[in-house]
Amino acid sequence: MHFRSHSRGALAKYKGKVEHWRVLGNDLGWEILQRCISDDIITLRGNLYFLNPENVDKWLGISWLDLRKGRTSKKLEEYLRSVKEPE
C-alpha cells in the first residue's frame, strides 16, 4: 500500500523496506509476499519491488487507489484466506 512513484511513474518500494520484519510481521507475511510475486501482483527487479496495478484488480478485485483509501473487496478477503500459513 505504500508504493510510490519511481522511475517514470512506476509504483515501487525498496526491497529492504518491503522485507523488513515490521512490514511482513511473521511467516504468514512472507507467504503473502511470495504469493503476490507468483501471481505477478508485485515484481522484484534489482532492489525494488514494483506494483502491477492491473494485476491488483485482476487478482484482488479492487483498484490500487481503493486499497490506498482503506477499502477492501470480497475477492481480496478470499485471496488472503487462500494463502496457507506455514506450519
C-alpha atoms as a PDB file:
ATOM      1  CA  MET A   1       0.000   0.000   0.000  1.00  0.00           C
ATOM      2  CA  HIS A   2       2.986   2.312   0.431  1.00  0.00           C
ATOM      3  CA  PHE A   3       4.286   2.011  -3.093  1.00  0.00           C
ATOM      4  CA  ARG A   4       5.231   5.321  -4.661  1.00  0.00           C
ATOM      5  CA  SER A   5       6.409   6.565  -7.996  1.00  0.00           C
ATOM      6  CA  HIS A   6       9.935   5.589  -9.032  1.00  0.00           C
ATOM      7  CA  SER A   7      11.456   5.677 -12.483  1.00  0.00           C
ATOM      8  CA  ARG A   8       8.977   7.199 -14.920  1.00  0.00           C
ATOM      9  CA  GLY A   9       5.893   6.792 -12.764  1.00  0.00           C
ATOM     10  CA  ALA A  10       6.197   3.079 -11.962  1.00  0.00           C
ATOM     11  CA  LEU A  11       4.939   2.249  -8.485  1.00  0.00           C
ATOM     12  CA  ALA A  12       7.766   0.738  -6.455  1.00  0.00           C
ATOM     13  CA  LYS A  13       9.157   0.257  -2.977  1.00  0.00           C
ATOM     14  CA  TYR A  14      12.653  -0.659  -1.874  1.00  0.00           C
ATOM     15  CA  LYS A  15      13.203  -4.376  -1.239  1.00  0.00           C
ATOM     16  CA  GLY A  16      14.636  -3.795   2.233  1.00  0.00           C
ATOM     17  CA  LYS A  17      11.542  -1.876   3.289  1.00  0.00           C
ATOM     18  CA  VAL A  18       9.117  -4.499   1.949  1.00  0.00           C
ATOM     19  CA  GLU A  19      11.033  -7.383   3.513  1.00  0.00           C
ATOM     20  CA  HIS A  20      11.502  -5.685   6.893  1.00  0.00           C
ATOM     21  CA  TRP A  21      10.003  -7.654   9.808  1.00  0.00           C
ATOM     22  CA  ARG A  22       7.797  -4.690  10.755  1.00  0.00           C
ATOM     23  CA  VAL A  23       6.137  -4.844   7.337  1.00  0.00           C
ATOM     24  CA  LEU A  24       5.825  -8.610   6.905  1.00  0.00           C
ATOM     25  CA  GLY A  25       5.219  -9.265  10.583  1.00  0.00           C
ATOM     26  CA  ASN A  26       5.628 -13.039  10.560  1.00  0.00           C
ATOM     27  CA  ASP A  27       5.866 -16.149   8.378  1.00  0.00           C
ATOM     28  CA  LEU A  28       2.368 -15.565   7.022  1.00  0.00           C
ATOM     29  CA  GLY A  29       3.516 -12.158   5.756  1.00  0.00           C
ATOM     30  CA  TRP A  30       6.317 -13.894   3.830  1.00  0.00           C
ATOM     31  CA  GLU A  31       3.804 -16.343   2.353  1.00  0.00           C
ATOM     32  CA  ILE A  32       1.564 -13.474   1.224  1.00  0.00           C
ATOM     33  CA  LEU A  33       4.587 -11.730  -0.331  1.00  0.00           C
ATOM     34  CA  GLN A  34       5.578 -14.909  -2.200  1.00  0.00           C
ATOM     35  CA  ARG A  35       2.015 -15.392  -3.441  1.00  0.00           C
ATOM     36  CA  CYS A  36       1.863 -11.785  -4.685  1.00  0.00           C
ATOM     37  CA  ILE A  37       5.130 -12.366  -6.542  1.00  0.00           C
ATOM     38  CA  SER A  38       3.950 -15.643  -8.092  1.00  0.00           C
ATOM     39  CA  ASP A  39       0.676 -14.006  -9.187  1.00  0.00           C
ATOM     40  CA  ASP A  40       2.618 -11.039 -10.644  1.00  0.00           C
ATOM     41  CA  ILE A  41       0.896  -8.525  -8.371  1.00  0.00           C
ATOM     42  CA  ILE A  42       4.371  -7.327  -7.467  1.00  0.00           C
ATOM     43  CA  THR A  43       7.666  -7.955  -9.247  1.00  0.00           C
ATOM     44  CA  LEU A  44      11.182  -7.795  -7.835  1.00  0.00           C
ATOM     45  CA  ARG A  45      13.650  -6.044 -10.130  1.00  0.00           C
ATOM     46  CA  GLY A  46      17.019  -5.208  -8.652  1.00  0.00           C
ATOM     47  CA  ASN A  47      16.479  -3.654  -5.251  1.00  0.00           C
ATOM     48  CA  LEU A  48      12.886  -2.550  -5.904  1.00  0.00           C
ATOM     49  CA  TYR A  49       9.534  -4.290  -5.776  1.00  0.00           C
ATOM     50  CA  PHE A  50       7.251  -2.934  -8.497  1.00  0.00           C
ATOM     51  CA  LEU A  51       3.478  -2.976  -8.180  1.00  0.00           C
ATOM     52  CA  ASN A  52       1.453  -4.115 -11.203  1.00  0.00           C
ATOM     53  CA  PRO A  53      -1.831  -2.209 -10.715  1.00  0.00           C
ATOM     54  CA  GLU A  54      -3.685  -4.133 -13.436  1.00  0.00           C
ATOM     55  CA  ASN A  55      -2.967  -7.388 -11.583  1.00  0.00           C
ATOM     56  CA  VAL A  56      -4.082  -5.891  -8.283  1.00  0.00           C
ATOM     57  CA  ASP A  57      -7.535  -5.512  -9.800  1.00  0.00           C
ATOM     58  CA  LYS A  58      -7.363  -8.870 -11.606  1.00  0.00           C
ATOM     59  CA  TRP A  59      -6.421 -10.927  -8.531  1.00  0.00           C
ATOM     60  CA  LEU A  60      -7.886  -8.846  -5.697  1.00  0.00           C
ATOM     61  CA  GLY A  61     -10.983  -7.368  -7.317  1.00  0.00           C
ATOM     62  CA  ILE A  62     -10.121  -3.843  -6.241  1.00  0.00           C
ATOM     63  CA  SER A  63      -8.071  -0.990  -7.640  1.00  0.00           C
ATOM     64  CA  TRP A  64      -4.795   0.087  -6.103  1.00  0.00           C
ATOM     65  CA  LEU A  65      -6.312   3.530  -5.463  1.00  0.00           C
ATOM     66  CA  ASP A  66      -9.190   1.972  -3.496  1.00  0.00           C
ATOM     67  CA  LEU A  67      -6.685  -0.057  -1.458  1.00  0.00           C
ATOM     68  CA  ARG A  68      -4.851   3.170  -0.610  1.00  0.00           C
ATOM     69  CA  LYS A  69      -8.146   4.565   0.665  1.00  0.00           C
ATOM     70  CA  GLY A  70      -8.500   1.594   3.023  1.00  0.00           C
ATOM     71  CA  ARG A  71     -11.228  -0.124   1.056  1.00  0.00           C
ATOM     72  CA  THR A  72     -11.469  -3.881   0.647  1.00  0.00           C
ATOM     73  CA  SER A  73     -13.284  -6.399  -1.511  1.00  0.00           C
ATOM     74  CA  LYS A  74     -14.679  -9.873  -1.128  1.00  0.00           C
ATOM     75  CA  LYS A  75     -12.126 -11.132  -3.658  1.00  0.00           C
ATOM     76  CA  LEU A  76      -9.268  -9.605  -1.610  1.00  0.00           C
ATOM     77  CA  GLU A  77     -10.526 -11.291   1.545  1.00  0.00           C
ATOM     78  CA  GLU A  78     -10.782 -14.627  -0.311  1.00  0.00           C
ATOM     79  CA  TYR A  79      -7.271 -14.166  -1.721  1.00  0.00           C
ATOM     80  CA  LEU A  80      -5.793 -13.570   1.726  1.00  0.00           C
ATOM     81  CA  ARG A  81      -7.673 -16.526   3.207  1.00  0.00           C
ATOM     82  CA  SER A  82      -6.346 -18.752   0.416  1.00  0.00           C
ATOM     83  CA  VAL A  83      -2.727 -18.143   1.445  1.00  0.00           C
ATOM     84  CA  LYS A  84      -1.646 -21.015   3.639  1.00  0.00           C
ATOM     85  CA  GLU A  85       0.004 -20.206   6.946  1.00  0.00           C
ATOM     86  CA  PRO A  86       3.324 -22.033   7.260  1.00  0.00           C
ATOM     87  CA  GLU A  87       3.383 -24.914   9.717  1.00  0.00           C
END
